[in-house]
């Protein structure tokens, strides 16, 4: 399980005195524990749920780094991007534009969508199936393109 892997990797990072990796992994574990203990949770964290958390953290880190860059704080942006790099080692390889289009064509055929009005049906399936491998905005843009 991903939760156990993160715990093991924290110990390895601490022993290796890798401060950035240790900090990033501790942050990940904090979010994992919050998800496990959230009201309505059964105390378990599936790898699928963990992947969604990792994808969200990576996106937040990239967005924060971009803000730091815009505010002329490259030192802070560099720190954020270093943590994002650690997070991304646990995420599946992102889909290329062609792979995304192919996966979405398959989903569109599967749900039988034929017009932009049926975008919601496609997005529901696509968001779940492609979580962590493609950004929601990229999925939405491509679905609109394919349905029109």
N, C-alpha and C. Protein backbone atom coordinates (compact mmCIF):
# COMPACT_ATOMS: atom_id res chain seq x y z
N UNK A 1 0.85 -1.19 0.00
CA UNK A 1 0.00 0.00 0.00
C UNK A 1 0.88 1.24 0.00
N UNK A 2 0.35 2.27 -0.61
CA UNK A 2 1.08 3.52 -0.75
C UNK A 2 1.37 4.18 0.60
N UNK A 3 0.42 4.08 1.53
CA UNK A 3 0.60 4.67 2.87
C UNK A 3 1.83 4.06 3.54
N UNK A 4 1.95 2.75 3.48
CA UNK A 4 3.09 2.06 4.09
C UNK A 4 4.40 2.41 3.38
N UNK A 5 4.33 2.53 2.06
CA UNK A 5 5.51 2.88 1.28
C UNK A 5 6.03 4.26 1.69
N UNK A 6 5.12 5.22 1.86
CA UNK A 6 5.51 6.58 2.26
C UNK A 6 6.19 6.53 3.64
N UNK A 7 5.61 5.76 4.57
CA UNK A 7 6.18 5.65 5.92
C UNK A 7 7.60 5.09 5.87
N UNK A 8 7.80 4.06 5.06
CA UNK A 8 9.12 3.45 4.90
C UNK A 8 10.10 4.46 4.28
N UNK A 9 9.62 5.19 3.28
CA UNK A 9 10.48 6.15 2.58
C UNK A 9 10.85 7.33 3.47
N UNK A 10 9.98 7.69 4.41
CA UNK A 10 10.31 8.78 5.35
C UNK A 10 11.54 8.37 6.16
N UNK A 11 11.52 7.14 6.66
CA UNK A 11 12.65 6.65 7.46
C UNK A 11 13.94 6.67 6.63
N UNK A 12 13.86 6.22 5.38
CA UNK A 12 15.04 6.20 4.52
C UNK A 12 15.55 7.62 4.25
N UNK A 13 14.63 8.55 4.03
CA UNK A 13 15.02 9.94 3.76
C UNK A 13 15.66 10.57 5.00
N UNK A 14 15.12 10.23 6.18
CA UNK A 14 15.69 10.76 7.42
C UNK A 14 17.11 10.21 7.63
N UNK A 15 17.28 8.92 7.40
CA UNK A 15 18.60 8.31 7.56
C UNK A 15 19.60 8.89 6.56
N UNK A 16 19.10 9.22 5.36
CA UNK A 16 19.96 9.79 4.33
C UNK A 16 20.13 11.29 4.47
N UNK A 17 19.53 11.87 5.50
CA UNK A 17 19.60 13.31 5.78
C UNK A 17 19.15 14.16 4.58
N UNK A 18 18.13 13.67 3.86
CA UNK A 18 17.57 14.39 2.71
C UNK A 18 16.39 15.22 3.24
N UNK A 19 16.69 16.48 3.55
CA UNK A 19 15.69 17.34 4.20
C UNK A 19 14.46 17.59 3.32
N UNK A 20 14.68 17.88 2.05
CA UNK A 20 13.55 18.18 1.14
C UNK A 20 12.64 16.96 1.03
N UNK A 21 13.23 15.81 0.79
CA UNK A 21 12.44 14.57 0.64
C UNK A 21 11.71 14.24 1.94
N UNK A 22 12.39 14.38 3.07
CA UNK A 22 11.76 14.11 4.36
C UNK A 22 10.56 15.02 4.58
N UNK A 23 10.75 16.31 4.31
CA UNK A 23 9.66 17.27 4.50
C UNK A 23 8.48 16.97 3.58
N UNK A 24 8.76 16.69 2.32
CA UNK A 24 7.70 16.39 1.36
C UNK A 24 6.93 15.13 1.77
N UNK A 25 7.66 14.09 2.17
CA UNK A 25 7.02 12.83 2.56
C UNK A 25 6.21 12.98 3.84
N UNK A 26 6.71 13.76 4.78
CA UNK A 26 5.94 14.00 6.01
C UNK A 26 4.65 14.75 5.70
N UNK A 27 4.73 15.69 4.78
CA UNK A 27 3.54 16.43 4.36
C UNK A 27 2.52 15.48 3.73
N UNK A 28 2.99 14.61 2.86
CA UNK A 28 2.12 13.62 2.22
C UNK A 28 1.46 12.75 3.29
N UNK A 29 2.26 12.26 4.22
CA UNK A 29 1.73 11.37 5.26
C UNK A 29 0.68 12.10 6.11
N UNK A 30 0.90 13.39 6.36
CA UNK A 30 -0.08 14.17 7.12
C UNK A 30 -1.43 14.17 6.41
N UNK A 31 -1.42 14.41 5.10
CA UNK A 31 -2.67 14.40 4.33
C UNK A 31 -3.29 13.01 4.30
N UNK A 32 -2.46 11.99 4.21
CA UNK A 32 -2.97 10.62 4.21
C UNK A 32 -3.66 10.30 5.55
N UNK A 33 -3.03 10.70 6.64
CA UNK A 33 -3.62 10.45 7.97
C UNK A 33 -4.92 11.21 8.13
N UNK A 34 -4.95 12.46 7.66
CA UNK A 34 -6.19 13.24 7.72
C UNK A 34 -7.31 12.55 6.95
N UNK A 35 -6.98 11.99 5.78
CA UNK A 35 -7.98 11.29 4.97
C UNK A 35 -8.46 10.02 5.68
N UNK A 36 -7.54 9.31 6.33
CA UNK A 36 -7.90 8.08 7.03
C UNK A 36 -8.79 8.34 8.24
N UNK A 37 -8.60 9.48 8.89
CA UNK A 37 -9.33 9.77 10.12
C UNK A 37 -10.48 10.76 9.91
N UNK A 38 -10.76 11.12 8.68
CA UNK A 38 -11.84 12.08 8.39
C UNK A 38 -13.19 11.47 8.76
N UNK A 39 -14.14 12.31 9.19
CA UNK A 39 -15.48 11.80 9.48
C UNK A 39 -16.05 11.09 8.25
N UNK A 40 -16.66 9.94 8.47
CA UNK A 40 -17.23 9.18 7.36
C UNK A 40 -16.24 8.22 6.73
N UNK A 41 -14.98 8.31 7.14
CA UNK A 41 -13.96 7.41 6.62
C UNK A 41 -14.00 6.12 7.43
N UNK A 42 -13.62 5.02 6.79
CA UNK A 42 -13.62 3.74 7.51
C UNK A 42 -12.25 3.43 8.10
N UNK A 43 -11.37 4.42 8.14
CA UNK A 43 -10.05 4.22 8.71
C UNK A 43 -9.06 3.63 7.74
N UNK A 44 -9.49 3.40 6.51
CA UNK A 44 -8.61 2.85 5.48
C UNK A 44 -8.36 3.93 4.42
N UNK A 45 -7.23 3.82 3.76
CA UNK A 45 -6.91 4.71 2.66
C UNK A 45 -6.50 3.85 1.48
N UNK A 46 -7.39 3.79 0.48
CA UNK A 46 -7.07 2.99 -0.70
C UNK A 46 -5.97 3.68 -1.51
N UNK A 47 -5.28 2.91 -2.32
CA UNK A 47 -4.25 3.50 -3.16
C UNK A 47 -4.86 4.51 -4.14
N UNK A 48 -6.09 4.24 -4.57
CA UNK A 48 -6.78 5.16 -5.49
C UNK A 48 -6.99 6.51 -4.82
N UNK A 49 -7.47 6.50 -3.57
CA UNK A 49 -7.68 7.74 -2.82
C UNK A 49 -6.35 8.43 -2.56
N UNK A 50 -5.32 7.64 -2.28
CA UNK A 50 -3.99 8.20 -2.03
C UNK A 50 -3.46 8.89 -3.29
N UNK A 51 -3.70 8.28 -4.45
CA UNK A 51 -3.25 8.88 -5.72
C UNK A 51 -3.94 10.23 -5.96
N UNK A 52 -5.23 10.31 -5.63
CA UNK A 52 -5.94 11.58 -5.79
C UNK A 52 -5.33 12.65 -4.90
N UNK A 53 -4.98 12.27 -3.67
CA UNK A 53 -4.36 13.21 -2.75
C UNK A 53 -3.01 13.66 -3.31
N UNK A 54 -2.22 12.72 -3.81
CA UNK A 54 -0.91 13.06 -4.36
C UNK A 54 -1.03 13.99 -5.57
N UNK A 55 -2.00 13.70 -6.44
CA UNK A 55 -2.20 14.55 -7.63
C UNK A 55 -2.58 15.97 -7.20
N UNK A 56 -3.44 16.06 -6.20
CA UNK A 56 -3.87 17.37 -5.69
C UNK A 56 -2.68 18.13 -5.09
N UNK A 57 -1.87 17.44 -4.30
CA UNK A 57 -0.70 18.08 -3.69
C UNK A 57 0.30 18.56 -4.75
N UNK A 58 0.50 17.75 -5.78
CA UNK A 58 1.42 18.13 -6.86
C UNK A 58 0.91 19.37 -7.58
N UNK A 59 -0.38 19.40 -7.86
CA UNK A 59 -0.98 20.55 -8.54
C UNK A 59 -0.87 21.80 -7.67
N UNK A 60 -1.18 21.67 -6.38
CA UNK A 60 -1.07 22.81 -5.46
C UNK A 60 0.37 23.32 -5.41
N UNK A 61 1.32 22.41 -5.37
CA UNK A 61 2.73 22.80 -5.33
C UNK A 61 3.15 23.55 -6.58
N UNK A 62 2.72 23.06 -7.74
CA UNK A 62 3.05 23.75 -9.00
C UNK A 62 2.42 25.14 -9.04
N UNK A 63 1.15 25.23 -8.61
CA UNK A 63 0.47 26.52 -8.59
C UNK A 63 1.16 27.50 -7.64
N UNK A 64 1.55 27.01 -6.48
CA UNK A 64 2.24 27.86 -5.50
C UNK A 64 3.58 28.32 -6.06
N UNK A 65 4.31 27.41 -6.70
CA UNK A 65 5.60 27.77 -7.30
C UNK A 65 5.42 28.85 -8.36
N UNK A 66 4.35 28.72 -9.13
CA UNK A 66 4.08 29.73 -10.17
C UNK A 66 3.82 31.09 -9.53
N UNK A 67 3.06 31.10 -8.43
CA UNK A 67 2.80 32.37 -7.72
C UNK A 67 4.10 32.97 -7.20
N UNK A 68 4.95 32.14 -6.62
CA UNK A 68 6.23 32.63 -6.12
C UNK A 68 7.07 33.20 -7.25
N UNK A 69 7.05 32.55 -8.40
CA UNK A 69 7.81 33.04 -9.55
C UNK A 69 7.27 34.40 -10.00
N UNK A 70 5.93 34.51 -10.05
CA UNK A 70 5.32 35.78 -10.45
C UNK A 70 5.65 36.90 -9.46
N UNK A 71 5.86 36.53 -8.20
CA UNK A 71 6.17 37.53 -7.17
C UNK A 71 7.67 37.72 -7.00
N UNK A 72 8.43 37.21 -7.97
CA UNK A 72 9.88 37.34 -8.01
C UNK A 72 10.55 36.74 -6.77
N UNK A 73 10.10 35.54 -6.40
CA UNK A 73 10.69 34.80 -5.28
C UNK A 73 11.15 33.42 -5.76
N UNK A 74 12.17 33.39 -6.62
CA UNK A 74 12.63 32.11 -7.18
C UNK A 74 13.11 31.12 -6.12
N UNK A 75 13.62 31.63 -4.99
CA UNK A 75 14.08 30.74 -3.92
C UNK A 75 12.94 29.91 -3.36
N UNK A 76 11.78 30.54 -3.14
CA UNK A 76 10.61 29.82 -2.63
C UNK A 76 10.03 28.89 -3.70
N UNK A 77 10.01 29.37 -4.95
CA UNK A 77 9.48 28.55 -6.05
C UNK A 77 10.31 27.28 -6.21
N UNK A 78 11.62 27.41 -6.07
CA UNK A 78 12.52 26.27 -6.21
C UNK A 78 12.23 25.22 -5.14
N UNK A 79 11.97 25.67 -3.92
CA UNK A 79 11.65 24.75 -2.82
C UNK A 79 10.36 23.99 -3.08
N UNK A 80 9.35 24.71 -3.57
CA UNK A 80 8.06 24.07 -3.89
C UNK A 80 8.23 23.04 -4.99
N UNK A 81 8.96 23.41 -6.04
CA UNK A 81 9.15 22.49 -7.16
C UNK A 81 9.97 21.26 -6.76
N UNK A 82 10.87 21.42 -5.80
CA UNK A 82 11.64 20.27 -5.30
C UNK A 82 10.69 19.29 -4.59
N UNK A 83 9.75 19.82 -3.82
CA UNK A 83 8.78 18.96 -3.14
C UNK A 83 7.83 18.31 -4.15
N UNK A 84 7.43 19.05 -5.18
CA UNK A 84 6.56 18.50 -6.22
C UNK A 84 7.27 17.34 -6.91
N UNK A 85 8.57 17.47 -7.14
CA UNK A 85 9.34 16.40 -7.78
C UNK A 85 9.29 15.12 -6.94
N UNK A 86 9.35 15.27 -5.62
CA UNK A 86 9.26 14.11 -4.73
C UNK A 86 7.87 13.48 -4.85
N UNK A 87 6.84 14.30 -4.82
CA UNK A 87 5.45 13.81 -4.91
C UNK A 87 5.25 13.06 -6.23
N UNK A 88 5.77 13.63 -7.31
CA UNK A 88 5.55 13.04 -8.64
C UNK A 88 6.21 11.68 -8.80
N UNK A 89 7.18 11.34 -7.95
CA UNK A 89 7.79 10.02 -8.06
C UNK A 89 6.80 8.92 -7.68
N UNK A 90 5.73 9.27 -6.97
CA UNK A 90 4.72 8.30 -6.54
C UNK A 90 3.52 8.27 -7.48
N UNK A 91 3.45 9.22 -8.39
CA UNK A 91 2.32 9.29 -9.33
C UNK A 91 2.65 8.53 -10.61
N UNK A 92 1.62 7.98 -11.25
CA UNK A 92 1.87 7.34 -12.55
C UNK A 92 2.30 8.40 -13.57
N UNK A 93 3.00 7.95 -14.60
CA UNK A 93 3.46 8.86 -15.64
C UNK A 93 2.25 9.56 -16.27
N UNK A 94 2.31 10.90 -16.40
CA UNK A 94 1.17 11.61 -17.00
C UNK A 94 0.95 11.18 -18.46
N UNK A 95 -0.30 11.26 -18.89
CA UNK A 95 -0.64 10.91 -20.26
C UNK A 95 -0.16 11.99 -21.22
N UNK A 96 0.29 11.58 -22.39
CA UNK A 96 0.62 12.55 -23.43
C UNK A 96 -0.70 13.02 -24.04
N UNK A 97 -0.64 14.05 -24.84
CA UNK A 97 -1.85 14.57 -25.50
C UNK A 97 -2.54 13.49 -26.33
N UNK A 98 -1.74 12.68 -27.05
CA UNK A 98 -2.30 11.63 -27.89
C UNK A 98 -2.93 10.52 -27.04
N UNK A 99 -2.25 10.14 -25.95
CA UNK A 99 -2.79 9.10 -25.07
C UNK A 99 -4.09 9.57 -24.41
N UNK A 100 -4.13 10.85 -24.03
CA UNK A 100 -5.33 11.41 -23.42
C UNK A 100 -6.49 11.37 -24.41
N UNK A 101 -6.24 11.80 -25.65
CA UNK A 101 -7.28 11.79 -26.67
C UNK A 101 -7.80 10.37 -26.92
N UNK A 102 -6.89 9.41 -27.01
CA UNK A 102 -7.28 8.02 -27.25
C UNK A 102 -8.12 7.48 -26.09
N UNK A 103 -7.70 7.75 -24.86
CA UNK A 103 -8.44 7.29 -23.68
C UNK A 103 -9.83 7.92 -23.64
N UNK A 104 -9.91 9.20 -23.98
CA UNK A 104 -11.21 9.89 -23.95
C UNK A 104 -12.13 9.40 -25.07
N UNK A 105 -11.58 9.10 -26.25
CA UNK A 105 -12.41 8.55 -27.33
C UNK A 105 -13.04 7.23 -26.89
N UNK A 106 -12.23 6.43 -26.21
CA UNK A 106 -12.70 5.14 -25.70
C UNK A 106 -13.83 5.34 -24.68
N UNK A 107 -13.66 6.29 -23.77
CA UNK A 107 -14.67 6.57 -22.75
C UNK A 107 -15.94 7.13 -23.39
N UNK A 108 -15.77 8.01 -24.37
CA UNK A 108 -16.93 8.59 -25.07
C UNK A 108 -17.74 7.48 -25.74
N UNK A 109 -17.05 6.55 -26.39
CA UNK A 109 -17.73 5.42 -27.04
C UNK A 109 -18.41 4.54 -26.00
N UNK A 110 -17.74 4.33 -24.89
CA UNK A 110 -18.27 3.49 -23.81
C UNK A 110 -19.58 4.04 -23.24
N UNK A 111 -19.62 5.36 -22.99
CA UNK A 111 -20.84 5.95 -22.41
C UNK A 111 -21.86 6.35 -23.48
N UNK A 112 -21.45 6.29 -24.73
CA UNK A 112 -22.37 6.59 -25.82
C UNK A 112 -22.68 8.06 -26.00
N UNK A 113 -21.77 8.93 -25.60
CA UNK A 113 -21.99 10.38 -25.74
C UNK A 113 -21.79 10.79 -27.20
N UNK A 114 -22.68 11.67 -27.67
CA UNK A 114 -22.59 12.10 -29.06
C UNK A 114 -22.59 13.62 -29.22
N UNK A 115 -22.90 14.35 -28.14
CA UNK A 115 -22.96 15.80 -28.25
C UNK A 115 -22.38 16.45 -26.99
N UNK A 116 -22.05 17.75 -27.10
CA UNK A 116 -21.52 18.46 -25.93
C UNK A 116 -22.47 18.45 -24.72
N UNK A 117 -23.75 18.24 -24.96
CA UNK A 117 -24.72 18.19 -23.86
C UNK A 117 -24.46 17.01 -22.93
N UNK A 118 -23.79 15.98 -23.44
CA UNK A 118 -23.52 14.77 -22.65
C UNK A 118 -22.12 14.78 -22.03
N UNK A 119 -21.52 15.95 -21.97
CA UNK A 119 -20.17 16.09 -21.44
C UNK A 119 -20.08 15.61 -19.99
N UNK A 120 -21.10 15.84 -19.20
CA UNK A 120 -21.11 15.44 -17.79
C UNK A 120 -20.91 13.95 -17.60
N UNK A 121 -21.58 13.15 -18.46
CA UNK A 121 -21.44 11.69 -18.38
C UNK A 121 -19.98 11.29 -18.62
N UNK A 122 -19.38 11.88 -19.63
CA UNK A 122 -18.01 11.56 -20.00
C UNK A 122 -17.04 12.01 -18.90
N UNK A 123 -17.25 13.22 -18.39
CA UNK A 123 -16.35 13.77 -17.38
C UNK A 123 -16.35 12.92 -16.10
N UNK A 124 -17.50 12.43 -15.71
CA UNK A 124 -17.57 11.61 -14.50
C UNK A 124 -16.70 10.37 -14.60
N UNK A 125 -16.82 9.67 -15.72
CA UNK A 125 -16.04 8.45 -15.93
C UNK A 125 -14.56 8.81 -16.14
N UNK A 126 -14.31 9.82 -16.97
CA UNK A 126 -12.92 10.20 -17.29
C UNK A 126 -12.17 10.68 -16.05
N UNK A 127 -12.81 11.49 -15.23
CA UNK A 127 -12.14 12.01 -14.03
C UNK A 127 -11.73 10.88 -13.10
N UNK A 128 -12.61 9.90 -12.95
CA UNK A 128 -12.30 8.77 -12.07
C UNK A 128 -11.20 7.89 -12.66
N UNK A 129 -11.32 7.60 -13.94
CA UNK A 129 -10.39 6.66 -14.58
C UNK A 129 -9.00 7.25 -14.82
N UNK A 130 -8.95 8.55 -15.08
CA UNK A 130 -7.67 9.17 -15.42
C UNK A 130 -7.07 9.97 -14.27
N UNK A 131 -7.62 9.81 -13.07
CA UNK A 131 -7.14 10.55 -11.90
C UNK A 131 -5.65 10.32 -11.70
N UNK A 132 -4.94 11.42 -11.51
CA UNK A 132 -3.51 11.34 -11.28
C UNK A 132 -2.67 11.24 -12.55
N UNK A 133 -3.33 10.96 -13.67
CA UNK A 133 -2.58 10.83 -14.92
C UNK A 133 -2.84 11.98 -15.88
N UNK A 134 -3.92 12.76 -15.59
CA UNK A 134 -4.23 13.91 -16.43
C UNK A 134 -4.93 14.95 -15.58
N UNK A 135 -4.65 16.20 -15.85
CA UNK A 135 -5.25 17.32 -15.14
C UNK A 135 -6.71 17.46 -15.54
N UNK A 136 -7.56 17.78 -14.59
CA UNK A 136 -9.00 17.93 -14.85
C UNK A 136 -9.29 18.93 -15.95
N UNK A 137 -8.54 20.02 -15.97
CA UNK A 137 -8.75 21.06 -16.99
C UNK A 137 -8.40 20.52 -18.38
N UNK A 138 -7.33 19.74 -18.46
CA UNK A 138 -6.92 19.16 -19.75
C UNK A 138 -7.97 18.17 -20.23
N UNK A 139 -8.50 17.37 -19.31
CA UNK A 139 -9.55 16.41 -19.66
C UNK A 139 -10.77 17.15 -20.20
N UNK A 140 -11.21 18.17 -19.47
CA UNK A 140 -12.39 18.94 -19.86
C UNK A 140 -12.23 19.57 -21.25
N UNK A 141 -11.08 20.18 -21.47
CA UNK A 141 -10.81 20.83 -22.77
C UNK A 141 -10.87 19.81 -23.90
N UNK A 142 -10.25 18.66 -23.69
CA UNK A 142 -10.20 17.62 -24.74
C UNK A 142 -11.58 17.02 -24.97
N UNK A 143 -12.36 16.83 -23.91
CA UNK A 143 -13.71 16.27 -24.07
C UNK A 143 -14.57 17.24 -24.90
N UNK A 144 -14.50 18.53 -24.58
CA UNK A 144 -15.25 19.54 -25.36
C UNK A 144 -14.87 19.46 -26.84
N UNK A 145 -13.56 19.38 -27.07
CA UNK A 145 -13.04 19.32 -28.44
C UNK A 145 -13.56 18.07 -29.17
N UNK A 146 -13.54 16.93 -28.49
CA UNK A 146 -13.95 15.68 -29.13
C UNK A 146 -15.46 15.58 -29.34
N UNK A 147 -16.24 16.22 -28.48
CA UNK A 147 -17.70 16.14 -28.60
C UNK A 147 -18.30 17.18 -29.55
N UNK A 148 -17.52 18.19 -29.91
CA UNK A 148 -18.11 19.21 -30.80
C UNK A 148 -17.79 18.96 -32.24
